[in-house]
Amino acid sequence: MEYFVRYGEIGIKSPKIRHKFEKRLMDNIKSELECEFENNQGRLTLKTEETNEKVADVLSRVFGIVSYSPITQTITDKEEISELIHEIIPKVIDEGKFNPQKDTFAVKCRRVGNHDFSSQEMAGYCGSVVIDITNAKVDLSNPDFTLYVEIRENKTYMFTEKIPGLGGLPVGSQGSVVCLISSGIDSPVASFQMLKRGCKIILLHCDNNPYTKNTIEKVKKQAQRLQRYSVGVKVKLYTINFGQYLEHVIKQAPPRMTCVLCKSGMYQTAAQLAKFNHANAIADGSSIGQVASQTLRNIEATRYKCRMPIFSPLISLDKIEIEAIAKTIGTYETSIIPDGGCSAVPKYPETNAELDVVNNVIDDINQKDVLEEVWNTFTKIDID
């Protein structure tokens, strides 16, 4: 079976960069499919003996693909083209994709190369063949069914559907990012969004035990789910005994500062792991105003000590939008499993932290020294 695989913004890159991205995209697909590719003027043709179900499963999870289509080809000859249409139309009718008695149709034709006919003429010819077979009505503006014909020199390809892909950039085409991941809804979605931009993700779970319970298994399941979308690139998962730091914060700092200092420590911990893994940035699931540590003033205060870029791909999304993505990618059900939440959250958390006050408290509790002790507890978790 053959498929057209279409990409989006890769096509606007310079030839050198486009070739690099195309290779990464093809390599990622090959990591899960036994297949070969033909690259013809920016159009990838995938050839495989795998089942349609297997191909659909893989291509639906690969970033960098805008859409794909199962195709059938013949030579560029009117009789051969007519014969192929006579094979395709009864098949799509049997599959319920086209009901000539009530559905309208159109033929869309594209050409590359020199031919003794125009694209419009070939579309008209193919349409007349469909009418001869079905007596269906034509609607060029809003058809119920479309037959796509693509002619490249002496080869003619036909397909009847364009199946949407995930878009984005191929995973591994950008650098590595340490993604803070909790047992909640937002952070797995943020990690997914970083995959979409072509980043390799290194997941870090700051385990706040004894202030949180039963979070590591949930995070491991989320990592496994995210691995499905990191086709071709292994997802890494680390945990750290962050409860040790949080205990120190609770004992030494004003209660209202707990959440601010906790998040500040997490960013610096993520930066330390990023250096160890040669990563280029940090990402988290922050969304402005959603929780106490995510007001604008608190975001500034929690990130001030971290000298590494911090991305928050969900920063402007509403909770309902984040939940919709989580449900689509399959992380939502795990996220909502009850785990008791965090018992360290104070009754009245700071929501308008002043930078100089936060820095003074950080110095007072010797944050750097405590974090350096905690950093000795990094543990890599096998998610297979």
Protein backbone atom coordinates (compact mmCIF):
# COMPACT_ATOMS: atom_id res chain seq x y z
CA MET A 1 0.00 0.00 0.00
CA GLU A 2 1.11 3.56 -0.67
CA TYR A 3 0.31 6.82 1.12
CA PHE A 4 0.90 10.49 0.52
CA VAL A 5 2.32 12.06 3.70
CA ARG A 6 1.98 15.84 3.82
CA TYR A 7 3.83 18.24 6.08
CA GLY A 8 3.13 21.91 6.77
CA GLU A 9 5.65 24.49 7.89
CA ILE A 10 8.57 22.21 7.04
CA GLY A 11 7.87 23.21 3.45
CA ILE A 12 8.73 26.87 4.05
CA LYS A 13 12.19 26.11 5.44
CA SER A 14 15.35 26.64 3.39
CA PRO A 15 16.29 23.60 1.24
CA LYS A 16 19.04 22.54 3.65
CA ILE A 17 16.83 22.76 6.75
CA ARG A 18 13.86 21.23 4.95
CA HIS A 19 15.95 18.19 3.98
CA LYS A 20 17.03 17.81 7.62
CA PHE A 21 13.44 17.98 8.88
CA GLU A 22 12.18 15.61 6.18
CA LYS A 23 14.82 13.07 7.17
CA ARG A 24 13.86 13.34 10.83
CA LEU A 25 10.18 12.90 9.94
CA MET A 26 10.88 9.83 7.82
CA ASP A 27 13.19 8.32 10.45
CA ASN A 28 10.55 8.80 13.14
CA ILE A 29 7.94 7.01 11.04
CA LYS A 30 10.38 4.21 10.20
CA SER A 31 10.99 3.63 13.91
CA GLU A 32 7.51 2.08 14.13
CA LEU A 33 6.70 1.10 10.54
CA GLU A 34 8.47 -1.18 8.09
CA CYS A 35 8.38 1.17 5.12
CA GLU A 36 10.25 3.05 2.43
CA PHE A 37 9.88 6.62 1.21
CA GLU A 38 10.00 8.36 -2.11
CA ASN A 39 10.60 12.10 -1.83
CA ASN A 40 9.39 13.87 -4.94
CA GLN A 41 9.47 17.68 -4.93
CA GLY A 42 8.39 17.98 -1.31
CA ARG A 43 5.78 15.23 -1.45
CA LEU A 44 6.56 12.15 0.63
CA THR A 45 5.20 8.87 -0.66
CA LEU A 46 5.22 6.09 1.93
CA LYS A 47 5.35 2.50 0.70
CA THR A 48 4.65 -0.36 3.10
CA GLU A 49 3.26 -3.87 3.46
CA GLU A 50 1.84 -3.04 6.90
CA THR A 51 -1.93 -3.06 7.44
CA ASN A 52 -3.98 0.10 6.99
CA GLU A 53 -4.82 -0.06 10.71
CA LYS A 54 -1.16 -0.13 11.71
CA VAL A 55 -0.27 2.71 9.35
CA ALA A 56 -3.17 4.83 10.57
CA ASP A 57 -2.19 4.25 14.20
CA VAL A 58 1.41 5.34 13.63
CA LEU A 59 0.78 8.31 11.34
CA SER A 60 -1.88 9.66 13.72
CA ARG A 61 0.78 9.92 16.45
CA VAL A 62 3.69 11.41 14.49
CA PHE A 63 4.28 15.15 14.83
CA GLY A 64 5.16 16.94 11.62
CA ILE A 65 2.36 15.37 9.57
CA VAL A 66 -0.45 17.71 8.51
CA SER A 67 -2.42 15.02 6.68
CA TYR A 68 -2.02 11.73 4.88
CA SER A 69 -3.93 9.78 2.25
CA PRO A 70 -4.02 6.14 1.14
CA ILE A 71 -3.34 6.31 -2.61
CA THR A 72 -3.70 4.14 -5.68
CA GLN A 73 -1.61 4.76 -8.77
CA THR A 74 -1.64 4.02 -12.46
CA ILE A 75 0.07 5.36 -15.57
CA THR A 76 -0.97 8.69 -17.05
CA ASP A 77 -3.21 7.31 -19.76
CA LYS A 78 -6.93 8.06 -20.06
CA GLU A 79 -7.97 4.44 -20.48
CA GLU A 80 -5.90 3.37 -17.46
CA ILE A 81 -7.23 6.28 -15.43
CA SER A 82 -10.81 5.34 -16.34
CA GLU A 83 -10.14 1.75 -15.34
CA LEU A 84 -8.80 2.85 -11.96
CA ILE A 85 -11.86 5.03 -11.34
CA HIS A 86 -14.04 2.00 -12.11
CA GLU A 87 -12.18 0.18 -9.32
CA ILE A 88 -12.26 3.01 -6.77
CA ILE A 89 -15.88 4.21 -7.01
CA PRO A 90 -17.62 0.86 -6.32
CA LYS A 91 -15.25 0.35 -3.40
CA VAL A 92 -16.04 3.69 -1.72
CA ILE A 93 -19.75 3.05 -2.30
CA ASP A 94 -19.47 -0.33 -0.57
CA GLU A 95 -17.58 1.32 2.32
CA GLY A 96 -20.38 3.85 2.77
CA LYS A 97 -18.19 6.84 1.91
CA PHE A 98 -20.24 7.78 -1.16
CA ASN A 99 -23.96 7.33 -1.81
CA PRO A 100 -24.60 8.38 -5.43
CA GLN A 101 -28.37 8.47 -4.90
CA LYS A 102 -28.12 11.41 -2.49
CA ASP A 103 -24.48 12.59 -2.40
CA THR A 104 -22.94 15.14 -4.75
CA PHE A 105 -19.33 14.82 -5.87
CA ALA A 106 -16.40 16.72 -7.34
CA VAL A 107 -13.07 15.81 -8.90
CA LYS A 108 -10.01 17.87 -7.97
CA CYS A 109 -7.00 17.47 -10.21
CA ARG A 110 -3.41 18.66 -9.85
CA ARG A 111 -0.57 18.19 -12.32
CA VAL A 112 3.21 18.38 -12.29
CA GLY A 113 4.99 18.11 -15.64
CA ASN A 114 4.13 18.55 -19.30
CA HIS A 115 0.96 16.97 -20.66
CA ASP A 116 -1.34 17.45 -23.65
CA PHE A 117 -4.24 18.31 -21.36
CA SER A 118 -4.93 20.80 -18.58
CA SER A 119 -5.81 19.97 -14.98
CA GLN A 120 -9.34 21.24 -15.61
CA GLU A 121 -9.72 19.04 -18.68
CA MET A 122 -8.58 15.95 -16.78
CA ALA A 123 -10.92 16.76 -13.88
CA GLY A 124 -13.78 17.00 -16.37
CA TYR A 125 -12.84 13.70 -17.96
CA CYS A 126 -12.63 11.91 -14.59
CA GLY A 127 -15.95 13.47 -13.55
CA SER A 128 -17.63 12.14 -16.67
CA VAL A 129 -16.37 8.65 -15.83
CA VAL A 130 -17.84 8.92 -12.32
CA ILE A 131 -21.17 10.08 -13.79
CA ASP A 132 -21.19 7.14 -16.21
CA ILE A 133 -20.73 4.77 -13.25
CA THR A 134 -23.09 6.40 -10.74
CA ASN A 135 -25.22 9.09 -12.43
CA ALA A 136 -24.41 11.24 -9.37
CA LYS A 137 -24.74 15.03 -9.40
CA VAL A 138 -21.74 17.36 -9.47
CA ASP A 139 -21.19 20.10 -6.89
CA LEU A 140 -17.84 21.83 -7.25
CA SER A 141 -18.41 24.24 -4.34
CA ASN A 142 -19.51 21.96 -1.52
CA PRO A 143 -19.40 18.29 -2.59
CA ASP A 144 -20.31 15.42 -0.29
CA PHE A 145 -17.56 13.30 -1.84
CA THR A 146 -14.33 14.28 -3.57
CA LEU A 147 -12.11 12.22 -5.84
CA TYR A 148 -8.58 13.61 -5.82
CA VAL A 149 -6.41 13.07 -8.89
CA GLU A 150 -2.73 13.98 -8.81
CA ILE A 151 -0.66 13.60 -11.97
CA ARG A 152 3.11 13.66 -11.86
CA GLU A 153 4.64 13.18 -15.31
CA ASN A 154 3.75 9.62 -16.35
CA LYS A 155 2.25 8.58 -13.01
CA THR A 156 -1.29 9.27 -11.84
CA TYR A 157 -2.33 8.95 -8.20
CA MET A 158 -5.87 8.89 -6.83
CA PHE A 159 -7.26 9.16 -3.32
CA THR A 160 -10.58 9.91 -1.69
CA GLU A 161 -9.70 11.27 1.74
CA LYS A 162 -7.23 13.52 3.51
CA ILE A 163 -6.81 12.27 7.07
CA PRO A 164 -5.69 15.02 9.48
CA GLY A 165 -2.40 14.60 11.35
CA LEU A 166 -1.06 16.28 14.48
CA GLY A 167 0.84 19.02 12.66
CA GLY A 168 3.80 20.63 14.38
CA LEU A 169 7.44 19.67 13.83
CA PRO A 170 9.08 16.22 13.91
CA VAL A 171 10.11 15.22 17.43
CA GLY A 172 13.89 15.49 17.70
CA SER A 173 14.19 18.32 15.18
CA GLN A 174 14.69 20.77 18.06
CA GLY A 175 16.66 20.52 21.30
CA SER A 176 15.77 18.86 24.59
CA VAL A 177 13.48 20.39 27.22
CA VAL A 178 13.02 19.39 30.86
CA CYS A 179 9.27 19.32 31.48
CA LEU A 180 8.04 19.55 35.06
CA ILE A 181 5.30 16.94 35.38
CA SER A 182 2.92 16.47 38.29
CA SER A 183 0.02 14.09 38.82
CA GLY A 184 -2.45 16.73 37.61
CA ILE A 185 -4.08 17.57 34.30
CA ASP A 186 -2.02 20.47 33.00
CA SER A 187 1.62 19.37 32.95
CA PRO A 188 1.18 16.30 30.70
CA VAL A 189 -0.62 18.54 28.21
CA ALA A 190 2.24 21.06 28.36
CA SER A 191 4.71 18.24 27.70
CA PHE A 192 2.60 17.15 24.73
CA GLN A 193 2.70 20.70 23.36
CA MET A 194 6.52 20.75 23.59
CA LEU A 195 6.62 17.48 21.64
CA LYS A 196 4.46 19.19 19.02
CA ARG A 197 7.16 21.82 18.53
CA GLY A 198 9.72 19.12 17.83
CA CYS A 199 11.39 19.00 21.26
CA LYS A 200 12.72 15.93 22.99
CA ILE A 201 11.18 15.86 26.46
CA ILE A 202 12.85 14.93 29.72
CA LEU A 203 10.17 14.62 32.38
CA LEU A 204 10.90 15.63 35.96
CA HIS A 205 8.51 14.79 38.79
CA CYS A 206 9.25 16.53 42.08
CA ASP A 207 7.89 13.99 44.58
CA ASN A 208 6.57 15.94 47.56
CA ASN A 209 6.05 12.90 49.76
CA PRO A 210 4.90 12.95 52.59
CA TYR A 211 2.88 16.03 51.56
CA THR A 212 1.57 14.19 48.48
CA LYS A 213 0.77 10.50 48.11
CA ASN A 214 0.66 7.94 45.30
CA THR A 215 1.86 10.30 42.58
CA ILE A 216 4.79 8.42 41.06
CA GLU A 217 2.69 5.64 39.51
CA LYS A 218 0.33 8.21 38.01
CA VAL A 219 3.24 10.13 36.55
CA LYS A 220 4.74 6.95 35.15
CA LYS A 221 1.46 6.20 33.34
CA GLN A 222 1.44 9.73 31.94
CA ALA A 223 5.02 9.29 30.72
CA GLN A 224 4.00 6.07 28.98
CA ARG A 225 1.14 7.90 27.30
CA LEU A 226 3.41 10.73 26.18
CA GLN A 227 5.86 8.18 24.78
CA ARG A 228 3.19 7.22 22.24
CA TYR A 229 3.49 10.71 20.77
CA SER A 230 7.28 10.84 20.95
CA VAL A 231 7.62 8.47 17.99
CA GLY A 232 11.28 7.83 17.24
CA VAL A 233 12.62 9.47 20.41
CA LYS A 234 12.76 7.94 23.89
CA VAL A 235 11.06 9.88 26.69
CA LYS A 236 13.11 10.10 29.88
CA LEU A 237 11.50 10.30 33.33
CA TYR A 238 13.23 11.40 36.52
CA THR A 239 11.91 11.78 40.05
CA ILE A 240 13.46 13.58 42.98
CA ASN A 241 12.76 13.54 46.72
CA PHE A 242 11.45 17.10 46.81
CA GLY A 243 9.55 16.60 50.05
CA GLN A 244 12.89 17.06 51.82
CA TYR A 245 13.13 20.62 50.48
CA LEU A 246 9.45 21.33 51.09
CA GLU A 247 9.76 20.24 54.72
CA HIS A 248 12.57 22.76 55.17
CA VAL A 249 10.44 25.51 53.58
CA ILE A 250 7.50 24.76 55.88
CA LYS A 251 9.72 24.91 58.96
CA GLN A 252 11.76 27.99 58.05
CA ALA A 253 9.61 30.27 55.86
CA PRO A 254 6.36 32.19 56.45
CA PRO A 255 3.42 29.86 55.62
CA ARG A 256 2.01 32.15 52.94
CA MET A 257 5.29 31.79 50.98
CA THR A 258 5.17 27.98 50.75
CA CYS A 259 3.82 27.71 47.19
CA VAL A 260 6.08 30.45 45.83
CA LEU A 261 9.20 28.90 47.35
CA CYS A 262 8.14 25.41 46.28
CA LYS A 263 7.81 26.47 42.63
CA SER A 264 11.02 28.48 42.78
CA GLY A 265 12.85 25.39 43.98
CA MET A 266 11.27 23.25 41.26
CA TYR A 267 12.51 25.56 38.51
CA GLN A 268 16.05 25.53 39.88
CA THR A 269 15.90 21.75 40.23
CA ALA A 270 14.72 21.43 36.62
CA ALA A 271 17.59 23.67 35.53
CA GLN A 272 20.05 21.39 37.32
CA LEU A 273 18.63 18.33 35.54
CA ALA A 274 18.71 20.22 32.25
CA LYS A 275 22.44 20.86 32.64
CA PHE A 276 23.02 17.18 33.38
CA ASN A 277 21.12 16.15 30.24
CA HIS A 278 22.39 18.97 27.99
CA ALA A 279 18.85 20.30 27.64
CA ASN A 280 18.20 23.83 26.46
CA ALA A 281 15.12 24.91 28.39
CA ILE A 282 12.44 24.11 30.97
CA ALA A 283 8.68 23.79 30.43
CA ASP A 284 5.72 23.57 32.78
CA GLY A 285 1.93 23.64 32.79
CA SER A 286 1.42 27.16 34.13
CA SER A 287 -1.72 29.02 33.07
CA ILE A 288 -2.11 32.60 34.26
CA GLY A 289 -4.31 32.91 37.33
CA GLN A 290 -5.17 29.23 37.63
CA VAL A 291 -3.55 28.58 41.04
CA ALA A 292 -1.80 30.67 43.68
CA SER A 293 1.70 30.33 42.21
CA GLN A 294 0.51 31.35 38.73
CA THR A 295 -0.43 35.00 39.18
CA LEU A 296 1.78 37.32 37.14
CA ARG A 297 3.63 38.60 40.20
CA ASN A 298 4.21 35.09 41.49
CA ILE A 299 5.37 33.84 38.09
CA GLU A 300 7.99 36.59 38.09
CA ALA A 301 9.07 35.80 41.64
CA THR A 302 9.28 32.03 41.18
CA ARG A 303 11.38 32.28 38.01
CA TYR A 304 13.74 35.04 39.01
CA LYS A 305 16.49 32.76 40.35
CA CYS A 306 16.38 30.43 37.33
CA ARG A 307 18.69 31.48 34.51
CA MET A 308 17.37 28.98 31.97
CA PRO A 309 14.52 29.73 29.52
CA ILE A 310 11.16 28.60 30.90
CA PHE A 311 8.33 27.85 28.48
CA SER A 312 4.67 27.63 29.51
CA PRO A 313 2.76 26.49 26.41
CA LEU A 314 -0.59 26.58 28.24
CA ILE A 315 -0.14 30.10 29.59
CA SER A 316 -3.24 31.59 27.89
CA LEU A 317 -5.50 28.53 27.82
CA ASP A 318 -8.64 28.12 29.92
CA LYS A 319 -8.97 25.01 32.06
CA ILE A 320 -11.68 23.63 29.79
CA GLU A 321 -9.36 23.95 26.78
CA ILE A 322 -6.57 22.14 28.62
CA GLU A 323 -8.94 19.38 29.69
CA ALA A 324 -10.11 18.94 26.09
CA ILE A 325 -6.55 18.32 24.92
CA ALA A 326 -5.92 15.95 27.85
CA LYS A 327 -8.98 13.92 26.87
CA THR A 328 -7.88 13.80 23.24
CA ILE A 329 -4.36 12.55 24.00
CA GLY A 330 -5.47 10.11 26.70
CA THR A 331 -3.91 11.65 29.82
CA TYR A 332 -7.10 12.98 31.42
CA GLU A 333 -8.39 9.75 32.96
CA THR A 334 -5.12 9.13 34.79
CA SER A 335 -4.87 12.75 35.95
CA ILE A 336 -8.26 12.70 37.70
CA ILE A 337 -7.54 9.57 39.76
CA PRO A 338 -7.80 10.89 43.36
CA ASP A 339 -4.46 11.23 45.15
CA GLY A 340 -5.34 13.60 47.98
CA GLY A 341 -3.62 16.68 46.60
CA CYS A 342 -0.82 18.50 48.42
CA SER A 343 -1.22 18.93 52.17
CA ALA A 344 1.51 21.57 52.28
CA VAL A 345 -0.63 24.24 50.61
CA PRO A 346 -1.28 26.96 53.22
CA LYS A 347 -4.73 28.30 54.02
CA TYR A 348 -3.83 31.74 52.66
CA PRO A 349 -1.09 31.40 50.00
CA GLU A 350 0.72 34.46 48.70
CA THR A 351 -0.78 35.63 45.39
CA ASN A 352 1.06 38.94 44.95
CA ALA A 353 4.66 38.20 45.85
CA GLU A 354 7.15 41.05 45.88
CA LEU A 355 10.46 40.13 44.31
CA ASP A 356 12.70 41.62 46.98
CA VAL A 357 10.69 39.94 49.75
CA VAL A 358 10.93 36.55 48.05
CA ASN A 359 14.67 36.95 47.53
CA ASN A 360 15.15 37.84 51.19
CA VAL A 361 13.23 34.73 52.27
CA ILE A 362 15.23 32.58 49.83
CA ASP A 363 18.43 33.84 51.45
CA ASP A 364 17.01 33.37 54.96
CA ILE A 365 16.21 29.69 54.39
CA ASN A 366 19.52 28.95 52.59
CA GLN A 367 17.58 27.66 49.59
CA LYS A 368 20.63 26.88 47.45
CA ASP A 369 22.29 24.70 50.09
CA VAL A 370 19.11 22.73 50.76
CA LEU A 371 18.47 22.20 47.05
CA GLU A 372 21.99 20.93 46.48
CA GLU A 373 21.32 18.20 49.05
CA VAL A 374 18.04 17.32 47.35
CA TRP A 375 19.74 17.10 43.95
CA ASN A 376 21.58 14.02 45.16
CA THR A 377 18.25 12.15 45.07
CA PHE A 378 17.59 12.30 41.30
CA THR A 379 16.31 8.88 40.18
CA LYS A 380 15.71 7.78 36.59
CA ILE A 381 12.49 5.77 36.19
CA ASP A 382 12.07 3.07 33.55
CA ILE A 383 8.74 3.67 31.78
CA ASP A 384 8.77 0.57 29.54
